[in-house]
Protein backbone atom coordinates (compact mmCIF):
# COMPACT_ATOMS: atom_id res chain seq x y z
CA UNK A 1 77.40 70.91 113.35
CA UNK A 2 77.99 68.41 110.55
CA UNK A 3 81.00 66.22 111.27
CA UNK A 4 84.26 66.65 109.38
CA UNK A 5 84.36 62.90 108.80
CA UNK A 6 80.91 62.92 107.17
CA UNK A 7 81.80 65.85 104.94
CA UNK A 8 85.18 64.34 104.08
CA UNK A 9 83.64 60.98 103.21
CA UNK A 10 80.94 62.65 101.14
CA UNK A 11 83.41 64.82 99.26
CA UNK A 12 85.76 61.88 98.66
CA UNK A 13 82.79 59.93 97.29
CA UNK A 14 81.74 62.77 95.01
CA UNK A 15 85.27 63.23 93.65
CA UNK A 16 85.91 59.50 93.12
CA UNK A 17 82.54 58.91 91.47
CA UNK A 18 82.83 62.00 89.29
CA UNK A 19 86.29 61.02 88.05
CA UNK A 20 85.30 57.43 87.34
CA UNK A 21 82.02 58.35 85.66
CA UNK A 22 83.84 60.95 83.55
CA UNK A 23 86.37 58.35 82.44
CA UNK A 24 83.59 55.87 81.71
CA UNK A 25 81.74 58.38 79.55
CA UNK A 26 84.93 59.47 77.79
CA UNK A 27 85.87 55.92 76.89
CA UNK A 28 82.36 54.80 75.97
CA UNK A 29 81.23 57.89 74.10
CA UNK A 30 84.48 59.17 72.60
CA UNK A 31 87.45 56.79 72.64
CA UNK A 32 85.73 53.56 71.56
CA UNK A 33 83.71 55.11 68.72
CA UNK A 34 86.77 57.08 67.55
CA UNK A 35 88.96 53.98 67.58
CA UNK A 36 86.47 52.06 65.44
CA UNK A 37 86.09 55.05 63.11
CA UNK A 38 89.76 55.83 62.43
CA UNK A 39 91.80 52.66 62.89
CA UNK A 40 92.26 50.56 59.76
CA UNK A 41 90.67 47.40 61.20
CA UNK A 42 88.05 46.54 63.78
CA UNK A 43 90.60 44.15 65.29
CA UNK A 44 93.00 47.03 66.04
CA UNK A 45 90.19 49.17 67.44
CA UNK A 46 89.03 46.29 69.62
CA UNK A 47 92.58 45.74 70.83
CA UNK A 48 92.90 49.42 71.77
CA UNK A 49 89.63 49.53 73.64
CA UNK A 50 90.40 46.16 75.20
CA UNK A 51 93.61 47.60 76.67
CA UNK A 52 91.71 50.48 78.29
CA UNK A 53 88.81 48.52 79.76
CA UNK A 54 90.72 46.71 82.53
CA UNK A 55 91.73 50.06 84.01
CA UNK A 56 88.12 51.20 83.85
CA UNK A 57 86.81 47.98 85.42
CA UNK A 58 89.41 47.80 88.21
CA UNK A 59 89.00 51.48 89.08
CA UNK A 60 85.22 51.09 89.02
CA UNK A 61 85.50 48.18 91.44
CA UNK A 62 87.69 50.30 93.70
CA UNK A 63 85.36 53.29 93.55
CA UNK A 64 82.37 51.04 94.22
CA UNK A 65 84.08 49.59 97.29
CA UNK A 66 85.01 53.08 98.47
CA UNK A 67 81.39 54.22 98.14
CA UNK A 68 80.14 51.12 99.96
CA UNK A 69 82.54 51.75 102.84
CA UNK A 70 82.21 55.54 103.03
CA UNK A 71 78.45 55.48 102.60
CA UNK A 72 77.96 54.37 106.19
CA UNK A 73 78.16 57.83 107.72
CA UNK A 74 74.50 58.92 107.64
CA UNK A 75 70.89 57.83 107.20
CA UNK A 76 70.92 57.32 103.43
CA UNK A 77 73.99 55.16 103.86
CA UNK A 78 72.32 51.86 103.06
CA UNK A 79 71.22 53.00 99.60
CA UNK A 80 74.62 54.43 98.73
CA UNK A 81 76.39 51.35 100.08
CA UNK A 82 74.22 49.07 97.97
CA UNK A 83 74.80 51.22 94.89
CA UNK A 84 78.54 51.12 95.55
CA UNK A 85 78.43 47.34 95.85
CA UNK A 86 76.45 47.06 92.60
CA UNK A 87 79.09 49.19 90.85
CA UNK A 88 81.87 47.04 92.30
CA UNK A 89 80.26 43.70 91.48
CA UNK A 90 79.37 44.73 87.92
CA UNK A 91 82.95 45.89 87.23
CA UNK A 92 84.48 42.77 88.82
CA UNK A 93 82.14 40.50 86.84
CA UNK A 94 83.09 42.26 83.61
CA UNK A 95 86.82 42.07 84.37
CA UNK A 96 87.11 38.67 86.02
CA UNK A 97 84.40 36.65 84.26
CA UNK A 98 83.47 38.19 80.92
CA UNK A 99 86.83 39.59 79.77
CA UNK A 100 88.67 36.25 80.14
CA UNK A 101 85.92 34.51 78.18
CA UNK A 102 86.20 37.09 75.41
CA UNK A 103 89.97 36.53 75.37
CA UNK A 104 89.45 32.75 75.08
CA UNK A 105 87.08 33.18 72.13
CA UNK A 106 89.62 35.44 70.41
CA UNK A 107 92.43 32.96 71.10
CA UNK A 108 90.39 30.11 69.59
CA UNK A 109 89.93 31.99 66.32
CA UNK A 110 92.78 32.19 63.82
CA UNK A 111 91.24 35.18 62.01
CA UNK A 112 89.67 38.42 63.19
CA UNK A 113 86.20 37.89 64.67
CA UNK A 114 84.52 40.03 62.00
CA UNK A 115 85.89 37.74 59.28
CA UNK A 116 83.92 34.79 60.66
CA UNK A 117 80.52 34.01 59.19
CA UNK A 118 77.73 35.73 61.13
CA UNK A 119 76.28 32.36 62.13
CA UNK A 120 79.64 30.97 63.31
CA UNK A 121 79.27 29.86 66.93
CA UNK A 122 82.47 31.67 67.95
CA UNK A 123 81.30 34.95 66.47
CA UNK A 124 77.89 34.53 68.11
CA UNK A 125 79.58 33.76 71.45
CA UNK A 126 81.83 36.81 71.08
CA UNK A 127 78.81 39.02 70.32
CA UNK A 128 76.95 37.77 73.38
CA UNK A 129 79.94 38.24 75.65
CA UNK A 130 80.54 41.72 74.26
CA UNK A 131 76.89 42.59 74.94
CA UNK A 132 77.18 41.30 78.51
CA UNK A 133 80.35 43.37 79.04
CA UNK A 134 78.64 46.50 77.74
CA UNK A 135 75.58 45.80 79.90
CA UNK A 136 77.73 45.33 83.01
CA UNK A 137 79.51 48.61 82.35
CA UNK A 138 76.11 50.24 81.88
CA UNK A 139 74.85 48.83 85.19
CA UNK A 140 78.04 50.00 86.92
CA UNK A 141 77.71 53.46 85.37
CA UNK A 142 74.05 53.84 86.30
CA UNK A 143 74.57 52.65 89.85
CA UNK A 144 77.60 54.93 90.16
CA UNK A 145 75.60 57.90 88.86
CA UNK A 146 72.77 57.14 91.30
CA UNK A 147 75.30 56.88 94.15
CA UNK A 148 76.71 60.25 93.11
CA UNK A 149 73.27 61.86 93.17
CA UNK A 150 72.41 60.32 96.54
CA UNK A 151 75.73 61.47 97.97
CA UNK A 152 75.28 65.04 96.75
CA UNK A 153 71.74 65.08 98.11
CA UNK A 154 72.91 63.73 101.48
CA UNK A 155 75.65 66.36 101.70
CA UNK A 156 73.25 69.15 100.78
CA UNK A 157 70.52 68.06 103.20
CA UNK A 158 73.02 67.42 105.99
CA UNK A 159 74.36 70.94 105.60
CA UNK A 160 70.85 72.42 105.68
CA UNK A 161 69.94 70.43 108.81
CA UNK A 162 73.07 71.67 110.54
CA UNK A 163 72.77 75.33 109.53
CA UNK A 164 75.56 75.28 107.00
CA UNK A 165 74.94 77.56 104.06
CA UNK A 166 74.97 75.98 100.63
CA UNK A 167 76.59 78.28 98.07
CA UNK A 168 74.64 76.53 95.32
CA UNK A 169 71.36 77.74 96.81
CA UNK A 170 72.31 81.30 97.70
CA UNK A 171 71.21 84.16 95.43
């Protein structure tokens, strides 16, 4: 019979990944666009989103570590562990490397970034750093989604191998 520890680890992984991915999608697809659409300035919208991102990055790092550690309970563990580590590293890089650099660029500018000339080196640097931050969150999200799919597949196939019925496959 499938072990309680394996099922528990798999379910914990599914819940953690689902919650974090849901938050990531909510912030990226709803909160950020809404902030930029309704707040009076891009600076205020950026400040709002900037206050939410650390929570997303730190929790993503934690979820990635959890997946890396819990993924060691069956044969597809290596793939899930690597995906968890990718999620963790991408979130940590965004939070610990890119975010402080964005903050330094903002601190060096006396006016809002969007008031600088497009060719201004500080605005160009900000744009590049913002793109890297978005890319890192995208990498973290994709690796987290892949880890979620691999975990669900491992749970389903483990149950089938051990004679456990899967309510999702019953008529």
